[in-house]
Amino acid sequence: MNPVFDNEFEALVEKFAELLTGRTDTITVEKVKKWAIYNHIHKTMPALAAHWSQSHPEAKREMRRLFEEIRDLNQKLRGAAPNPAHPPESSE
């Protein structure tokens, strides 16, 4: 692909991650990519997402944790209280 486009698109994804979670580190950006792709698949091809979830139960649990982490980071960024059932991990 076009390296200029690749760099510009990566900058877009990084900004999206920052606006969504308040973070731009590599790990968070990669998590946001997976979250966004799965979210799109789930909305546009729910049967595919359901089949994948049934075929890969551990991956489904990991995706669930990822969704909860992104949600909690977004709520924290917006100043809302995170879900008490899933407190954010301590940074200690």
PDB file of N, CA and C in Angstrom:
ATOM      1  N   MET A   1       0.830  -1.191   0.000  1.00  0.00           N
ATOM      2  CA  MET A   1       0.000   0.000   0.000  1.00  0.00           C
ATOM      3  C   MET A   1       0.873   1.252   0.000  1.00  0.00           C
ATOM      4  N   ASN A   2       0.225   2.350  -0.080  1.00  0.00           N
ATOM      5  CA  ASN A   2       0.889   3.646  -0.081  1.00  0.00           C
ATOM      6  C   ASN A   2       1.367   3.981   1.334  1.00  0.00           C
ATOM      7  N   PRO A   3       2.686   4.139   1.539  1.00  0.00           N
ATOM      8  CA  PRO A   3       3.196   4.403   2.889  1.00  0.00           C
ATOM      9  C   PRO A   3       2.687   5.721   3.485  1.00  0.00           C
ATOM     10  N   VAL A   4       2.434   6.715   2.653  1.00  0.00           N
ATOM     11  CA  VAL A   4       1.893   7.982   3.165  1.00  0.00           C
ATOM     12  C   VAL A   4       0.489   7.739   3.718  1.00  0.00           C
ATOM     13  N   PHE A   5      -0.314   7.012   2.945  1.00  0.00           N
ATOM     14  CA  PHE A   5      -1.654   6.669   3.413  1.00  0.00           C
ATOM     15  C   PHE A   5      -1.582   5.855   4.700  1.00  0.00           C
ATOM     16  N   ASP A   6      -0.689   4.864   4.742  1.00  0.00           N
ATOM     17  CA  ASP A   6      -0.551   4.030   5.943  1.00  0.00           C
ATOM     18  C   ASP A   6      -0.259   4.884   7.171  1.00  0.00           C
ATOM     19  N   ASN A   7       0.679   5.819   7.036  1.00  0.00           N
ATOM     20  CA  ASN A   7       1.023   6.696   8.166  1.00  0.00           C
ATOM     21  C   ASN A   7      -0.149   7.589   8.560  1.00  0.00           C
ATOM     22  N   GLU A   8      -0.837   8.132   7.574  1.00  0.00           N
ATOM     23  CA  GLU A   8      -1.968   9.006   7.856  1.00  0.00           C
ATOM     24  C   GLU A   8      -3.115   8.226   8.498  1.00  0.00           C
ATOM     25  N   PHE A   9      -3.342   6.994   8.034  1.00  0.00           N
ATOM     26  CA  PHE A   9      -4.404   6.187   8.620  1.00  0.00           C
ATOM     27  C   PHE A   9      -4.050   5.780  10.044  1.00  0.00           C
ATOM     28  N   GLU A  10      -2.794   5.424  10.279  1.00  0.00           N
ATOM     29  CA  GLU A  10      -2.356   5.097  11.644  1.00  0.00           C
ATOM     30  C   GLU A  10      -2.550   6.290  12.576  1.00  0.00           C
ATOM     31  N   ALA A  11      -2.287   7.488  12.070  1.00  0.00           N
ATOM     32  CA  ALA A  11      -2.502   8.701  12.878  1.00  0.00           C
ATOM     33  C   ALA A  11      -3.987   8.873  13.201  1.00  0.00           C
ATOM     34  N   LEU A  12      -4.844   8.561  12.240  1.00  0.00           N
ATOM     35  CA  LEU A  12      -6.292   8.629  12.467  1.00  0.00           C
ATOM     36  C   LEU A  12      -6.712   7.643  13.554  1.00  0.00           C
ATOM     37  N   VAL A  13      -6.225   6.409  13.467  1.00  0.00           N
ATOM     38  CA  VAL A  13      -6.575   5.387  14.458  1.00  0.00           C
ATOM     39  C   VAL A  13      -6.034   5.778  15.831  1.00  0.00           C
ATOM     40  N   GLU A  14      -4.830   6.309  15.876  1.00  0.00           N
ATOM     41  CA  GLU A  14      -4.253   6.745  17.148  1.00  0.00           C
ATOM     42  C   GLU A  14      -5.092   7.863  17.770  1.00  0.00           C
ATOM     43  N   LYS A  15      -5.539   8.806  16.962  1.00  0.00           N
ATOM     44  CA  LYS A  15      -6.385   9.892  17.466  1.00  0.00           C
ATOM     45  C   LYS A  15      -7.716   9.348  17.951  1.00  0.00           C
ATOM     46  N   PHE A  16      -8.285   8.386  17.220  1.00  0.00           N
ATOM     47  CA  PHE A  16      -9.524   7.748  17.633  1.00  0.00           C
ATOM     48  C   PHE A  16      -9.341   7.086  18.998  1.00  0.00           C
ATOM     49  N   ALA A  17      -8.240   6.354  19.165  1.00  0.00           N
ATOM     50  CA  ALA A  17      -7.957   5.703  20.444  1.00  0.00           C
ATOM     51  C   ALA A  17      -7.840   6.736  21.560  1.00  0.00           C
ATOM     52  N   GLU A  18      -7.181   7.847  21.268  1.00  0.00           N
ATOM     53  CA  GLU A  18      -7.023   8.909  22.272  1.00  0.00           C
ATOM     54  C   GLU A  18      -8.374   9.503  22.659  1.00  0.00           C
ATOM     55  N   LEU A  19      -9.216   9.789  21.680  1.00  0.00           N
ATOM     56  CA  LEU A  19     -10.519  10.377  21.970  1.00  0.00           C
ATOM     57  C   LEU A  19     -11.447   9.381  22.670  1.00  0.00           C
ATOM     58  N   LEU A  20     -11.264   8.103  22.391  1.00  0.00           N
ATOM     59  CA  LEU A  20     -12.105   7.070  22.980  1.00  0.00           C
ATOM     60  C   LEU A  20     -11.661   6.695  24.392  1.00  0.00           C
ATOM     61  N   THR A  21     -10.337   6.609  24.610  1.00  0.00           N
ATOM     62  CA  THR A  21      -9.817   6.081  25.870  1.00  0.00           C
ATOM     63  C   THR A  21      -8.940   7.047  26.653  1.00  0.00           C
ATOM     64  N   GLY A  22      -8.451   8.076  25.977  1.00  0.00           N
ATOM     65  CA  GLY A  22      -7.516   8.990  26.624  1.00  0.00           C
ATOM     66  C   GLY A  22      -6.075   8.516  26.542  1.00  0.00           C
ATOM     67  N   ARG A  23      -5.833   7.461  25.815  1.00  0.00           N
ATOM     68  CA  ARG A  23      -4.491   6.874  25.716  1.00  0.00           C
ATOM     69  C   ARG A  23      -4.069   6.713  24.265  1.00  0.00           C
ATOM     70  N   THR A  24      -2.746   6.797  24.036  1.00  0.00           N
ATOM     71  CA  THR A  24      -2.222   6.605  22.678  1.00  0.00           C
ATOM     72  C   THR A  24      -1.067   5.607  22.639  1.00  0.00           C
ATOM     73  N   ASP A  25      -0.854   4.870  23.732  1.00  0.00           N
ATOM     74  CA  ASP A  25       0.236   3.895  23.725  1.00  0.00           C
ATOM     75  C   ASP A  25      -0.087   2.779  22.734  1.00  0.00           C
ATOM     76  N   THR A  26       0.931   2.105  22.286  1.00  0.00           N
ATOM     77  CA  THR A  26       0.802   1.082  21.247  1.00  0.00           C
ATOM     78  C   THR A  26      -0.186  -0.016  21.630  1.00  0.00           C
ATOM     79  N   ILE A  27      -0.140  -0.464  22.866  1.00  0.00           N
ATOM     80  CA  ILE A  27      -1.022  -1.548  23.294  1.00  0.00           C
ATOM     81  C   ILE A  27      -2.482  -1.112  23.239  1.00  0.00           C
ATOM     82  N   THR A  28      -2.765   0.091  23.731  1.00  0.00           N
ATOM     83  CA  THR A  28      -4.150   0.576  23.701  1.00  0.00           C
ATOM     84  C   THR A  28      -4.628   0.772  22.274  1.00  0.00           C
ATOM     85  N   VAL A  29      -3.784   1.297  21.410  1.00  0.00           N
ATOM     86  CA  VAL A  29      -4.173   1.490  20.006  1.00  0.00           C
ATOM     87  C   VAL A  29      -4.498   0.137  19.367  1.00  0.00           C
ATOM     88  N   GLU A  30      -3.706  -0.884  19.652  1.00  0.00           N
ATOM     89  CA  GLU A  30      -3.987  -2.221  19.110  1.00  0.00           C
ATOM     90  C   GLU A  30      -5.294  -2.776  19.661  1.00  0.00           C
ATOM     91  N   LYS A  31      -5.563  -2.547  20.942  1.00  0.00           N
ATOM     92  CA  LYS A  31      -6.823  -2.991  21.539  1.00  0.00           C
ATOM     93  C   LYS A  31      -8.004  -2.290  20.878  1.00  0.00           C
ATOM     94  N   VAL A  32      -7.863  -0.993  20.621  1.00  0.00           N
ATOM     95  CA  VAL A  32      -8.939  -0.235  19.977  1.00  0.00           C
ATOM     96  C   VAL A  32      -9.171  -0.752  18.559  1.00  0.00           C
ATOM     97  N   LYS A  33      -8.112  -1.117  17.846  1.00  0.00           N
ATOM     98  CA  LYS A  33      -8.274  -1.687  16.505  1.00  0.00           C
ATOM     99  C   LYS A  33      -9.107  -2.965  16.563  1.00  0.00           C
ATOM    100  N   LYS A  34      -8.763  -3.857  17.484  1.00  0.00           N
ATOM    101  CA  LYS A  34      -9.510  -5.119  17.613  1.00  0.00           C
ATOM    102  C   LYS A  34     -10.946  -4.839  18.022  1.00  0.00           C
ATOM    103  N   TRP A  35     -11.128  -3.935  18.964  1.00  0.00           N
ATOM    104  CA  TRP A  35     -12.470  -3.564  19.426  1.00  0.00           C
ATOM    105  C   TRP A  35     -13.307  -3.031  18.263  1.00  0.00           C
ATOM    106  N   ALA A  36     -12.724  -2.128  17.474  1.00  0.00           N
ATOM    107  CA  ALA A  36     -13.453  -1.508  16.366  1.00  0.00           C
ATOM    108  C   ALA A  36     -13.802  -2.530  15.280  1.00  0.00           C
ATOM    109  N   ILE A  37     -12.859  -3.391  14.945  1.00  0.00           N
ATOM    110  CA  ILE A  37     -13.120  -4.391  13.902  1.00  0.00           C
ATOM    111  C   ILE A  37     -14.187  -5.375  14.366  1.00  0.00           C
ATOM    112  N   TYR A  38     -14.051  -5.881  15.594  1.00  0.00           N
ATOM    113  CA  TYR A  38     -15.049  -6.829  16.076  1.00  0.00           C
ATOM    114  C   TYR A  38     -16.419  -6.160  16.197  1.00  0.00           C
ATOM    115  N   ASN A  39     -16.443  -4.934  16.682  1.00  0.00           N
ATOM    116  CA  ASN A  39     -17.700  -4.192  16.810  1.00  0.00           C
ATOM    117  C   ASN A  39     -18.382  -4.061  15.446  1.00  0.00           C
ATOM    118  N   HIS A  40     -17.602  -3.761  14.424  1.00  0.00           N
ATOM    119  CA  HIS A  40     -18.151  -3.643  13.072  1.00  0.00           C
ATOM    120  C   HIS A  40     -18.675  -4.999  12.570  1.00  0.00           C
ATOM    121  N   ILE A  41     -17.900  -6.048  12.767  1.00  0.00           N
ATOM    122  CA  ILE A  41     -18.336  -7.382  12.346  1.00  0.00           C
ATOM    123  C   ILE A  41     -19.623  -7.765  13.069  1.00  0.00           C
ATOM    124  N   HIS A  42     -19.661  -7.524  14.367  1.00  0.00           N
ATOM    125  CA  HIS A  42     -20.832  -7.870  15.170  1.00  0.00           C
ATOM    126  C   HIS A  42     -22.091  -7.159  14.667  1.00  0.00           C
ATOM    127  N   LYS A  43     -21.931  -5.898  14.243  1.00  0.00           N
ATOM    128  CA  LYS A  43     -23.086  -5.129  13.768  1.00  0.00           C
ATOM    129  C   LYS A  43     -23.469  -5.451  12.326  1.00  0.00           C
ATOM    130  N   THR A  44     -22.495  -5.733  11.483  1.00  0.00           N
ATOM    131  CA  THR A  44     -22.790  -5.939  10.063  1.00  0.00           C
ATOM    132  C   THR A  44     -22.985  -7.402   9.682  1.00  0.00           C
ATOM    133  N   MET A  45     -22.366  -8.312  10.419  1.00  0.00           N
ATOM    134  CA  MET A  45     -22.478  -9.747  10.141  1.00  0.00           C
ATOM    135  C   MET A  45     -22.649 -10.505  11.457  1.00  0.00           C
ATOM    136  N   PRO A  46     -23.789 -10.309  12.121  1.00  0.00           N
ATOM    137  CA  PRO A  46     -23.971 -10.930  13.441  1.00  0.00           C
ATOM    138  C   PRO A  46     -23.859 -12.455  13.428  1.00  0.00           C
ATOM    139  N   ALA A  47     -24.250 -13.087  12.357  1.00  0.00           N
ATOM    140  CA  ALA A  47     -24.137 -14.549  12.293  1.00  0.00           C
ATOM    141  C   ALA A  47     -22.671 -14.986  12.319  1.00  0.00           C
ATOM    142  N   LEU A  48     -21.815 -14.254  11.629  1.00  0.00           N
ATOM    143  CA  LEU A  48     -20.380 -14.564  11.651  1.00  0.00           C
ATOM    144  C   LEU A  48     -19.819 -14.383  13.059  1.00  0.00           C
ATOM    145  N   ALA A  49     -20.175 -13.289  13.709  1.00  0.00           N
ATOM    146  CA  ALA A  49     -19.697 -13.034  15.068  1.00  0.00           C
ATOM    147  C   ALA A  49     -20.188 -14.125  16.018  1.00  0.00           C
ATOM    148  N   ALA A  50     -21.441 -14.523  15.883  1.00  0.00           N
ATOM    149  CA  ALA A  50     -21.996 -15.570  16.741  1.00  0.00           C
ATOM    150  C   ALA A  50     -21.290 -16.901  16.500  1.00  0.00           C
ATOM    151  N   HIS A  51     -21.060 -17.242  15.240  1.00  0.00           N
ATOM    152  CA  HIS A  51     -20.358 -18.491  14.910  1.00  0.00           C
ATOM    153  C   HIS A  51     -18.950 -18.485  15.506  1.00  0.00           C
ATOM    154  N   TRP A  52     -18.237 -17.382  15.346  1.00  0.00           N
ATOM    155  CA  TRP A  52     -16.877 -17.262  15.883  1.00  0.00           C
ATOM    156  C   TRP A  52     -16.892 -17.399  17.400  1.00  0.00           C
ATOM    157  N   SER A  53     -17.853 -16.732  18.035  1.00  0.00           N
ATOM    158  CA  SER A  53     -17.950 -16.792  19.497  1.00  0.00           C
ATOM    159  C   SER A  53     -18.209 -18.209  19.984  1.00  0.00           C
ATOM    160  N   GLN A  54     -19.059 -18.942  19.276  1.00  0.00           N
ATOM    161  CA  GLN A  54     -19.349 -20.327  19.660  1.00  0.00           C
ATOM    162  C   GLN A  54     -18.153 -21.234  19.401  1.00  0.00           C
ATOM    163  N   SER A  55     -17.434 -20.976  18.338  1.00  0.00           N
ATOM    164  CA  SER A  55     -16.281 -21.805  17.981  1.00  0.00           C
ATOM    165  C   SER A  55     -15.052 -21.521  18.838  1.00  0.00           C
ATOM    166  N   HIS A  56     -14.995 -20.316  19.398  1.00  0.00           N
ATOM    167  CA  HIS A  56     -13.817 -19.880  20.156  1.00  0.00           C
ATOM    168  C   HIS A  56     -14.241 -19.240  21.480  1.00  0.00           C
ATOM    169  N   PRO A  57     -14.714 -20.049  22.436  1.00  0.00           N
ATOM    170  CA  PRO A  57     -15.244 -19.480  23.683  1.00  0.00           C
ATOM    171  C   PRO A  57     -14.211 -18.696  24.494  1.00  0.00           C
ATOM    172  N   GLU A  58     -12.957 -19.126  24.500  1.00  0.00           N
ATOM    173  CA  GLU A  58     -11.947 -18.370  25.259  1.00  0.00           C
ATOM    174  C   GLU A  58     -11.680 -17.021  24.595  1.00  0.00           C
ATOM    175  N   ALA A  59     -11.639 -16.997  23.272  1.00  0.00           N
ATOM    176  CA  ALA A  59     -11.455 -15.733  22.558  1.00  0.00           C
ATOM    177  C   ALA A  59     -12.656 -14.818  22.784  1.00  0.00           C
ATOM    178  N   LYS A  60     -13.844 -15.406  22.861  1.00  0.00           N
ATOM    179  CA  LYS A  60     -15.044 -14.615  23.150  1.00  0.00           C
ATOM    180  C   LYS A  60     -14.921 -13.955  24.519  1.00  0.00           C
ATOM    181  N   ARG A  61     -14.441 -14.703  25.518  1.00  0.00           N
ATOM    182  CA  ARG A  61     -14.254 -14.128  26.866  1.00  0.00           C
ATOM    183  C   ARG A  61     -13.216 -13.006  26.839  1.00  0.00           C
ATOM    184  N   GLU A  62     -12.159 -13.214  26.082  1.00  0.00           N
ATOM    185  CA  GLU A  62     -11.133 -12.173  25.965  1.00  0.00           C
ATOM    186  C   GLU A  62     -11.697 -10.930  25.287  1.00  0.00           C
ATOM    187  N   MET A  63     -12.511 -11.115  24.255  1.00  0.00           N
ATOM    188  CA  MET A  63     -13.137  -9.983  23.575  1.00  0.00           C
ATOM    189  C   MET A  63     -14.062  -9.245  24.542  1.00  0.00           C
ATOM    190  N   ARG A  64     -14.779  -9.990  25.352  1.00  0.00           N
ATOM    191  CA  ARG A  64     -15.665  -9.374  26.348  1.00  0.00           C
ATOM    192  C   ARG A  64     -14.856  -8.509  27.311  1.00  0.00           C
ATOM    193  N   ARG A  65     -13.725  -9.036  27.791  1.00  0.00           N
ATOM    194  CA  ARG A  65     -12.854  -8.264  28.689  1.00  0.00           C
ATOM    195  C   ARG A  65     -12.343  -7.002  27.989  1.00  0.00           C
ATOM    196  N   LEU A  66     -12.015  -7.150  26.713  1.00  0.00           N
ATOM    197  CA  LEU A  66     -11.539  -6.004  25.941  1.00  0.00           C
ATOM    198  C   LEU A  66     -12.627  -4.934  25.831  1.00  0.00           C
ATOM    199  N   PHE A  67     -13.855  -5.341  25.520  1.00  0.00           N
ATOM    200  CA  PHE A  67     -14.967  -4.397  25.434  1.00  0.00           C
ATOM    201  C   PHE A  67     -15.178  -3.686  26.767  1.00  0.00           C
ATOM    202  N   GLU A  68     -15.100  -4.428  27.872  1.00  0.00           N
ATOM    203  CA  GLU A  68     -15.289  -3.830  29.192  1.00  0.00           C
ATOM    204  C   GLU A  68     -14.174  -2.859  29.521  1.00  0.00           C
ATOM    205  N   GLU A  69     -12.948  -3.203  29.142  1.00  0.00           N
ATOM    206  CA  GLU A  69     -11.814  -2.318  29.387  1.00  0.00           C
ATOM    207  C   GLU A  69     -11.958  -1.009  28.601  1.00  0.00           C
ATOM    208  N   ILE A  70     -12.312  -1.114  27.322  1.00  0.00           N
ATOM    209  CA  ILE A  70     -12.500   0.078  26.495  1.00  0.00           C
ATOM    210  C   ILE A  70     -13.637   0.923  27.062  1.00  0.00           C
ATOM    211  N   ARG A  71     -14.737   0.276  27.444  1.00  0.00           N
ATOM    212  CA  ARG A  71     -15.875   0.993  28.026  1.00  0.00           C
ATOM    213  C   ARG A  71     -15.466   1.733  29.303  1.00  0.00           C
ATOM    214  N   ASP A  72     -14.730   1.041  30.189  1.00  0.00           N
ATOM    215  CA  ASP A  72     -14.321   1.659  31.445  1.00  0.00           C
ATOM    216  C   ASP A  72     -13.363   2.828  31.218  1.00  0.00           C
ATOM    217  N   LEU A  73     -12.436   2.681  30.273  1.00  0.00           N
ATOM    218  CA  LEU A  73     -11.525   3.784  29.958  1.00  0.00           C
ATOM    219  C   LEU A  73     -12.298   4.976  29.401  1.00  0.00           C
ATOM    220  N   ASN A  74     -13.283   4.709  28.553  1.00  0.00           N
ATOM    221  CA  ASN A  74     -14.085   5.780  27.977  1.00  0.00           C
ATOM    222  C   ASN A  74     -14.907   6.476  29.058  1.00  0.00           C
ATOM    223  N   GLN A  75     -15.499   5.723  29.957  1.00  0.00           N
ATOM    224  CA  GLN A  75     -16.285   6.320  31.032  1.00  0.00           C
ATOM    225  C   GLN A  75     -15.401   7.151  31.960  1.00  0.00           C
ATOM    226  N   LYS A  76     -14.223   6.646  32.254  1.00  0.00           N
ATOM    227  CA  LYS A  76     -13.280   7.392  33.095  1.00  0.00           C
ATOM    228  C   LYS A  76     -12.884   8.696  32.409  1.00  0.00           C
ATOM    229  N   LEU A  77     -12.632   8.619  31.116  1.00  0.00           N
ATOM    230  CA  LEU A  77     -12.251   9.804  30.353  1.00  0.00           C
ATOM    231  C   LEU A  77     -13.370  10.842  30.362  1.00  0.00           C
ATOM    232  N   ARG A  78     -14.596  10.383  30.242  1.00  0.00           N
ATOM    233  CA  ARG A  78     -15.744  11.284  30.220  1.00  0.00           C
ATOM    234  C   ARG A  78     -16.150  11.735  31.609  1.00  0.00           C
ATOM    235  N   GLY A  79     -15.528  11.189  32.640  1.00  0.00           N
ATOM    236  CA  GLY A  79     -15.832  11.600  34.003  1.00  0.00           C
ATOM    237  C   GLY A  79     -16.955  10.824  34.648  1.00  0.00           C
ATOM    238  N   ALA A  80     -17.432   9.786  33.977  1.00  0.00           N
ATOM    239  CA  ALA A  80     -18.488   8.955  34.548  1.00  0.00           C
ATOM    240  C   ALA A  80     -17.850   7.869  35.403  1.00  0.00           C
ATOM    241  N   ALA A  81     -18.601   7.380  36.347  1.00  0.00           N
ATOM    242  CA  ALA A  81     -18.104   6.300  37.198  1.00  0.00           C
ATOM    243  C   ALA A  81     -18.040   5.011  36.398  1.00  0.00           C
ATOM    244  N   PRO A  82     -16.928   4.264  36.492  1.00  0.00           N
ATOM    245  CA  PRO A  82     -16.842   2.985  35.795  1.00  0.00           C
ATOM    246  C   PRO A  82     -17.793   1.974  36.417  1.00  0.00           C
ATOM    247  N   ASN A  83     -18.035   0.908  35.694  1.00  0.00           N
ATOM    248  CA  ASN A  83     -18.920  -0.150  36.150  1.00  0.00           C
ATOM    249  C   ASN A  83     -18.346  -0.781  37.417  1.00  0.00           C
ATOM    250  N   PRO A  84     -19.067  -0.742  38.554  1.00  0.00           N
ATOM    251  CA  PRO A  84     -18.522  -1.288  39.793  1.00  0.00           C
ATOM    252  C   PRO A  84     -18.314  -2.795  39.755  1.00  0.00           C
ATOM    253  N   ALA A  85     -19.001  -3.486  38.863  1.00  0.00           N
ATOM    254  CA  ALA A  85     -18.807  -4.938  38.748  1.00  0.00           C
ATOM    255  C   ALA A  85     -17.438  -5.275  38.160  1.00  0.00           C
ATOM    256  N   HIS A  86     -16.839  -4.333  37.451  1.00  0.00           N
ATOM    257  CA  HIS A  86     -15.537  -4.552  36.817  1.00  0.00           C
ATOM    258  C   HIS A  86     -14.641  -3.346  37.113  1.00  0.00           C
ATOM    259  N   PRO A  87     -14.095  -3.261  38.312  1.00  0.00           N
ATOM    260  CA  PRO A  87     -13.251  -2.109  38.615  1.00  0.00           C
ATOM    261  C   PRO A  87     -11.997  -2.102  37.756  1.00  0.00           C
ATOM    262  N   PRO A  88     -11.499  -0.913  37.406  1.00  0.00           N
ATOM    263  CA  PRO A  88     -10.276  -0.862  36.598  1.00  0.00           C
ATOM    264  C   PRO A  88      -9.097  -1.432  37.367  1.00  0.00           C
ATOM    265  N   GLU A  89      -8.152  -1.986  36.632  1.00  0.00           N
ATOM    266  CA  GLU A  89      -6.976  -2.571  37.248  1.00  0.00           C
ATOM    267  C   GLU A  89      -6.121  -1.491  37.871  1.00  0.00           C
ATOM    268  N   SER A  90      -5.522  -1.829  38.993  1.00  0.00           N
ATOM    269  CA  SER A  90      -4.646  -0.895  39.685  1.00  0.00           C
ATOM    270  C   SER A  90      -3.365  -0.722  38.888  1.00  0.00           C
ATOM    271  N   SER A  91      -2.826   0.481  38.901  1.00  0.00           N
ATOM    272  CA  SER A  91      -1.586   0.736  38.164  1.00  0.00           C
ATOM    273  C   SER A  91      -0.362   0.485  39.022  1.00  0.00           C
ATOM    274  N   GLU A  92      -0.558  -0.074  40.206  1.00  0.00           N
ATOM    275  CA  GLU A  92       0.566  -0.360  41.101  1.00  0.00           C
ATOM    276  C   GLU A  92       1.264  -1.633  40.744  1.00  0.00           C
TER     277      GLU A  92
END
